[in-house]
């Protein structure tokens, strides 16, 4: 491993710490928000009800993000990795948003809890009861621990600023157009499949970290991931939701309503349905996974440094 690559895990960890200390930049100055607006303005020019059009759209957005990362790397070296990781990770905002849901429920304000959980999930939330809000929040914390924390760290560590910015572009495009509806079923196919590929390894790393930080539940985590995750419609969300469910001792899954369609998801985990305290517990688990991921980065850098010594 070269000295530059050996130092990359430290730079990635610095970006993670920056997110924890500073939180996300405000939307007017957030590069990811600017990227989303640019791709939204481009969509009408490229949209067609064909997969090929969606492939071009996804390739253009991802390529532009990777190119920006490469240009920054040439100019600023490891600083680009720190900055790109910082703007791509969103662990603090995830936990704050989930905490707002729990806080509303603790105050008995179900209407506000529905509004807050609507910031985290794509399903319809206006008619959710308290149990539905709790399940949605826990499932979102689980899935977004991959999207907002471990996947950016994996891609930043593996491919530097170009890799993590390309990942964030893929994830953003999936959120924008990767939907099962009349407009995006074909056009959004490439973005959705690219997101599945990009998150395949990070989701499984996250499940392994869940087992590592909750060792007493590790056997249940492994069993849930093996036996239950394949029934989930997402190849990655099912893995991490099963891991969280088993680690927390709750049961996830059930009926979700989206615009124009309904999904019935198989059970994940073997406990009772989650309640408000389980949202807080899911946030602690996500935080512990984040710490474990950061510790792994530091250990990787230390091992690389030791290997370079004569």
Protein backbone atom coordinates (compact mmCIF):
# COMPACT_ATOMS: atom_id res chain seq x y z
CA UNK A 1 0.00 0.00 0.00
CA UNK A 2 1.39 3.41 -0.96
CA UNK A 3 1.78 6.18 1.59
CA UNK A 4 -1.08 8.09 -0.02
CA UNK A 5 -3.43 5.13 0.19
CA UNK A 6 -2.25 4.32 3.70
CA UNK A 7 -3.26 7.83 4.76
CA UNK A 8 -6.66 7.64 3.11
CA UNK A 9 -8.45 5.84 6.01
CA UNK A 10 -7.37 8.67 8.34
CA UNK A 11 -8.72 11.26 5.89
CA UNK A 12 -12.00 9.34 5.62
CA UNK A 13 -12.27 9.18 9.41
CA UNK A 14 -11.62 12.93 9.57
CA UNK A 15 -14.57 13.50 7.25
CA UNK A 16 -16.72 11.29 9.47
CA UNK A 17 -15.71 13.26 12.56
CA UNK A 18 -16.48 16.52 10.73
CA UNK A 19 -20.01 15.32 10.07
CA UNK A 20 -20.44 14.45 13.74
CA UNK A 21 -19.15 17.84 14.90
CA UNK A 22 -20.63 20.12 12.24
CA UNK A 23 -23.61 18.32 10.79
CA UNK A 24 -24.60 18.75 7.16
CA UNK A 25 -24.04 22.09 5.41
CA UNK A 26 -27.22 24.18 4.95
CA UNK A 27 -29.13 23.32 1.76
CA UNK A 28 -28.18 26.53 -0.13
CA UNK A 29 -24.50 25.54 0.16
CA UNK A 30 -24.79 21.76 0.23
CA UNK A 31 -23.06 20.19 -2.81
CA UNK A 32 -25.43 17.22 -2.77
CA UNK A 33 -28.45 19.54 -2.85
CA UNK A 34 -26.86 21.47 -5.73
CA UNK A 35 -26.25 18.20 -7.58
CA UNK A 36 -29.87 17.18 -7.07
CA UNK A 37 -31.14 20.48 -8.44
CA UNK A 38 -28.86 20.22 -11.46
CA UNK A 39 -30.02 16.70 -12.26
CA UNK A 40 -33.65 17.70 -11.71
CA UNK A 41 -33.28 20.47 -14.27
CA UNK A 42 -31.59 18.08 -16.69
CA UNK A 43 -34.20 15.34 -16.38
CA UNK A 44 -36.82 16.85 -18.75
CA UNK A 45 -34.19 17.05 -21.50
CA UNK A 46 -33.15 13.40 -21.18
CA UNK A 47 -36.36 11.74 -20.01
CA UNK A 48 -37.89 9.07 -22.18
CA UNK A 49 -39.88 6.01 -21.22
CA UNK A 50 -36.93 3.76 -22.03
CA UNK A 51 -34.20 2.15 -19.97
CA UNK A 52 -31.55 3.45 -22.36
CA UNK A 53 -32.48 7.05 -21.53
CA UNK A 54 -32.21 6.29 -17.83
CA UNK A 55 -28.82 4.68 -18.33
CA UNK A 56 -27.55 7.85 -20.01
CA UNK A 57 -28.99 10.00 -17.22
CA UNK A 58 -27.42 7.89 -14.47
CA UNK A 59 -24.08 7.68 -16.27
CA UNK A 60 -23.95 11.43 -16.83
CA UNK A 61 -24.68 12.26 -13.19
CA UNK A 62 -22.35 9.66 -11.75
CA UNK A 63 -19.57 10.50 -14.18
CA UNK A 64 -19.82 14.21 -13.40
CA UNK A 65 -19.58 13.52 -9.66
CA UNK A 66 -16.61 11.21 -10.08
CA UNK A 67 -14.91 13.74 -12.36
CA UNK A 68 -15.36 16.46 -9.78
CA UNK A 69 -13.82 14.21 -7.15
CA UNK A 70 -10.86 13.47 -9.40
CA UNK A 71 -10.29 17.18 -10.09
CA UNK A 72 -10.41 18.00 -6.39
CA UNK A 73 -8.00 15.19 -5.63
CA UNK A 74 -5.47 16.52 -8.10
CA UNK A 75 -5.63 19.96 -6.50
CA UNK A 76 -5.89 19.17 -2.79
CA UNK A 77 -4.83 15.55 -2.29
CA UNK A 78 -6.12 14.05 0.94
CA UNK A 79 -8.05 17.22 1.69
CA UNK A 80 -10.42 16.22 -1.11
CA UNK A 81 -11.09 12.91 0.65
CA UNK A 82 -11.88 14.70 3.92
CA UNK A 83 -14.20 17.20 2.23
CA UNK A 84 -15.90 14.65 -0.04
CA UNK A 85 -16.50 12.28 2.87
CA UNK A 86 -17.88 15.09 5.01
CA UNK A 87 -20.45 16.19 2.42
CA UNK A 88 -21.40 12.58 1.61
CA UNK A 89 -21.89 11.29 5.16
CA UNK A 90 -25.10 12.29 6.94
CA UNK A 91 -25.03 10.30 10.17
CA UNK A 92 -25.69 13.23 12.47
CA UNK A 93 -28.73 14.45 10.54
CA UNK A 94 -30.12 10.90 10.43
CA UNK A 95 -29.97 10.53 14.20
CA UNK A 96 -31.36 14.03 14.76
CA UNK A 97 -34.31 13.32 12.45
CA UNK A 98 -35.05 9.99 14.13
CA UNK A 99 -34.69 11.64 17.54
CA UNK A 100 -37.29 14.22 16.50
CA UNK A 101 -39.74 11.39 15.75
CA UNK A 102 -39.12 9.81 19.15
CA UNK A 103 -39.41 13.19 20.87
CA UNK A 104 -42.78 13.89 19.26
CA UNK A 105 -44.12 10.50 20.33
CA UNK A 106 -42.80 10.98 23.85
CA UNK A 107 -44.77 14.22 23.98
CA UNK A 108 -47.90 12.49 22.71
CA UNK A 109 -47.92 14.44 19.44
CA UNK A 110 -48.72 11.79 16.83
CA UNK A 111 -49.42 14.35 14.10
CA UNK A 112 -45.95 15.86 14.45
CA UNK A 113 -44.41 12.38 14.67
CA UNK A 114 -46.04 11.48 11.34
CA UNK A 115 -44.66 14.65 9.77
CA UNK A 116 -41.18 14.02 11.15
CA UNK A 117 -41.04 10.39 10.05
CA UNK A 118 -42.15 11.53 6.60
CA UNK A 119 -38.72 13.18 6.30
CA UNK A 120 -37.11 9.76 6.65
CA UNK A 121 -39.24 7.38 4.58
CA UNK A 122 -40.84 7.21 1.17
CA UNK A 123 -44.05 5.52 2.32
CA UNK A 124 -47.25 7.41 3.08
CA UNK A 125 -47.26 8.52 6.71
CA UNK A 126 -50.40 10.68 7.12
CA UNK A 127 -52.51 7.80 8.47
CA UNK A 128 -49.88 5.86 10.42
CA UNK A 129 -50.73 4.93 13.99
CA UNK A 130 -48.06 5.09 16.70
CA UNK A 131 -46.90 1.54 15.99
CA UNK A 132 -46.57 2.33 12.28
CA UNK A 133 -44.55 5.46 13.02
CA UNK A 134 -42.20 3.51 15.30
CA UNK A 135 -41.68 0.77 12.72
CA UNK A 136 -41.05 3.27 9.94
CA UNK A 137 -38.50 5.14 12.06
CA UNK A 138 -36.58 2.02 13.10
CA UNK A 139 -36.54 0.65 9.55
CA UNK A 140 -35.31 4.01 8.25
CA UNK A 141 -32.53 4.26 10.83
CA UNK A 142 -31.39 0.79 9.82
CA UNK A 143 -31.46 1.37 6.05
CA UNK A 144 -30.00 4.86 6.24
CA UNK A 145 -27.13 3.74 8.43
CA UNK A 146 -25.90 2.15 5.21
CA UNK A 147 -26.84 5.00 2.87
CA UNK A 148 -25.67 7.83 5.12
CA UNK A 149 -22.71 6.29 6.95
CA UNK A 150 -21.15 2.97 6.06
CA UNK A 151 -21.53 3.08 2.28
CA UNK A 152 -19.89 6.53 1.96
CA UNK A 153 -17.08 5.35 4.24
CA UNK A 154 -16.54 2.18 2.22
CA UNK A 155 -16.45 4.03 -1.10
CA UNK A 156 -14.25 6.82 0.25
CA UNK A 157 -11.78 4.30 1.68
CA UNK A 158 -11.80 2.23 -1.50
CA UNK A 159 -11.72 4.95 -4.16
CA UNK A 160 -11.12 8.31 -2.49
CA UNK A 161 -13.02 11.46 -3.40
CA UNK A 162 -14.10 10.23 -6.87
CA UNK A 163 -15.51 7.05 -5.35
CA UNK A 164 -17.48 8.63 -2.53
CA UNK A 165 -18.89 11.44 -4.68
CA UNK A 166 -19.90 8.92 -7.33
CA UNK A 167 -21.60 6.88 -4.63
CA UNK A 168 -23.47 9.91 -3.32
CA UNK A 169 -24.56 10.71 -6.88
CA UNK A 170 -25.88 7.17 -7.39
CA UNK A 171 -27.73 7.25 -4.08
CA UNK A 172 -29.23 10.68 -4.83
CA UNK A 173 -30.36 9.65 -8.30
CA UNK A 174 -31.99 6.54 -6.89
CA UNK A 175 -33.92 8.72 -4.43
CA UNK A 176 -34.98 11.00 -7.27
CA UNK A 177 -35.97 8.58 -10.04
CA UNK A 178 -35.61 5.02 -8.74
CA UNK A 179 -39.34 4.56 -8.19
CA UNK A 180 -41.95 2.03 -9.28
CA UNK A 181 -44.42 4.26 -11.05
CA UNK A 182 -45.50 5.16 -14.55
CA UNK A 183 -42.88 7.83 -15.13
CA UNK A 184 -39.83 6.13 -13.64
CA UNK A 185 -40.35 2.36 -13.97
CA UNK A 186 -38.06 2.28 -17.02
CA UNK A 187 -36.24 5.61 -16.82
CA UNK A 188 -35.25 5.07 -13.19
CA UNK A 189 -34.23 1.43 -13.62
CA UNK A 190 -30.52 2.16 -14.12
CA UNK A 191 -30.32 4.46 -11.10
CA UNK A 192 -32.08 1.91 -8.89
CA UNK A 193 -29.89 -0.98 -10.04
CA UNK A 194 -26.72 1.09 -9.65
CA UNK A 195 -27.74 1.89 -6.08
CA UNK A 196 -28.30 -1.82 -5.40
CA UNK A 197 -24.81 -2.63 -6.65
CA UNK A 198 -23.16 0.25 -4.80
CA UNK A 199 -24.77 -0.74 -1.49
CA UNK A 200 -24.36 -4.52 -1.74
CA UNK A 201 -21.07 -4.76 0.16
CA UNK A 202 -21.70 -1.84 2.56
CA UNK A 203 -25.01 -3.39 3.66
CA UNK A 204 -23.30 -6.63 4.57
CA UNK A 205 -20.46 -4.83 6.30
CA UNK A 206 -23.07 -2.95 8.31
CA UNK A 207 -24.75 -6.20 9.34
CA UNK A 208 -21.39 -7.57 10.45
CA UNK A 209 -20.74 -4.41 12.48
CA UNK A 210 -24.19 -4.72 14.08
CA UNK A 211 -23.26 -8.21 15.24
CA UNK A 212 -19.88 -6.96 16.45
CA UNK A 213 -21.28 -4.14 18.59
CA UNK A 214 -24.10 -6.30 19.99
CA UNK A 215 -22.19 -9.56 20.63
CA UNK A 216 -24.93 -11.10 22.79
CA UNK A 217 -27.29 -10.84 19.83
CA UNK A 218 -24.75 -11.80 17.18
CA UNK A 219 -26.15 -15.29 16.59
CA UNK A 220 -29.66 -13.90 16.16
CA UNK A 221 -28.33 -11.24 13.77
CA UNK A 222 -26.65 -13.87 11.59
CA UNK A 223 -29.76 -16.06 11.62
CA UNK A 224 -32.06 -13.18 10.66
CA UNK A 225 -29.81 -12.05 7.83
CA UNK A 226 -29.54 -15.56 6.42
CA UNK A 227 -33.12 -16.71 6.88
CA UNK A 228 -35.25 -13.57 6.62
CA UNK A 229 -33.46 -10.90 4.59
CA UNK A 230 -33.94 -12.68 1.20
CA UNK A 231 -37.71 -12.17 1.46
CA UNK A 232 -37.31 -8.38 1.48
CA UNK A 233 -37.85 -6.66 -1.90
CA UNK A 234 -34.51 -4.85 -1.56
CA UNK A 235 -31.33 -6.95 -1.68
CA UNK A 236 -29.63 -4.55 0.73
CA UNK A 237 -32.30 -2.95 2.94
CA UNK A 238 -33.48 -6.42 3.93
CA UNK A 239 -30.01 -7.35 5.17
CA UNK A 240 -29.54 -4.36 7.41
CA UNK A 241 -33.17 -4.21 8.60
CA UNK A 242 -32.98 -7.89 9.57
CA UNK A 243 -29.72 -7.23 11.43
CA UNK A 244 -31.18 -4.27 13.33
CA UNK A 245 -34.39 -6.15 14.14
CA UNK A 246 -32.49 -9.09 15.59
CA UNK A 247 -30.07 -6.87 17.50
CA UNK A 248 -32.91 -4.82 19.00
CA UNK A 249 -35.15 -7.82 19.71
CA UNK A 250 -38.06 -6.43 17.70
CA UNK A 251 -40.08 -7.46 14.66
CA UNK A 252 -40.05 -5.30 11.57
CA UNK A 253 -41.94 -5.64 8.29
CA UNK A 254 -45.62 -5.34 7.47
CA UNK A 255 -47.86 -3.35 5.12
CA UNK A 256 -46.47 -0.16 3.56
CA UNK A 257 -48.51 2.20 1.41
CA UNK A 258 -46.86 4.20 -1.36
CA UNK A 259 -48.38 6.49 -3.98
CA UNK A 260 -50.56 4.18 -6.02
CA UNK A 261 -49.35 0.86 -4.59
CA UNK A 262 -49.15 -1.25 -1.45
CA UNK A 263 -46.37 -3.57 -0.34
CA UNK A 264 -46.65 -6.31 2.26
CA UNK A 265 -43.20 -7.12 3.60
CA UNK A 266 -42.28 -10.33 5.36
CA UNK A 267 -41.39 -10.21 9.07
CA UNK A 268 -37.82 -9.44 10.08
CA UNK A 269 -36.79 -10.38 13.61
CA UNK A 270 -38.69 -12.36 16.22
CA UNK A 271 -39.68 -9.90 18.95
CA UNK A 272 -42.62 -7.57 19.50
CA UNK A 273 -43.37 -4.63 17.24
CA UNK A 274 -41.10 -1.66 17.97
CA UNK A 275 -42.22 1.08 20.35
CA UNK A 276 -40.90 4.58 20.98
CA UNK A 277 -37.94 3.45 23.16
CA UNK A 278 -36.84 1.22 20.29
CA UNK A 279 -36.35 4.29 18.10
CA UNK A 280 -33.86 5.58 20.67
CA UNK A 281 -32.27 2.12 20.83
CA UNK A 282 -31.96 2.02 17.04
CA UNK A 283 -30.22 5.41 17.13
CA UNK A 284 -27.75 4.12 19.74
CA UNK A 285 -27.11 1.05 17.61
CA UNK A 286 -26.52 3.20 14.52
CA UNK A 287 -24.14 5.40 16.52
CA UNK A 288 -22.24 2.36 17.79
CA UNK A 289 -21.95 0.99 14.24
CA UNK A 290 -20.56 4.36 13.14
CA UNK A 291 -17.97 4.32 15.94
CA UNK A 292 -16.99 0.76 15.03
CA UNK A 293 -16.61 1.75 11.37
CA UNK A 294 -14.39 4.68 12.36
CA UNK A 295 -12.31 2.45 14.63
CA UNK A 296 -11.88 0.02 11.75
CA UNK A 297 -10.57 2.83 9.56
CA UNK A 298 -8.04 3.86 12.20
CA UNK A 299 -6.97 0.25 12.70
CA UNK A 300 -6.51 -0.10 8.95
CA UNK A 301 -4.32 3.02 8.86
CA UNK A 302 -2.27 1.78 11.82
CA UNK A 303 -1.74 -1.60 10.20
CA UNK A 304 -0.67 0.03 6.94
CA UNK A 305 1.76 2.30 8.78
CA UNK A 306 3.23 -0.68 10.62
CA UNK A 307 3.65 -2.57 7.37
CA UNK A 308 5.68 0.32 5.89
CA UNK A 309 8.20 0.35 8.71
CA UNK A 310 11.53 -1.25 7.77
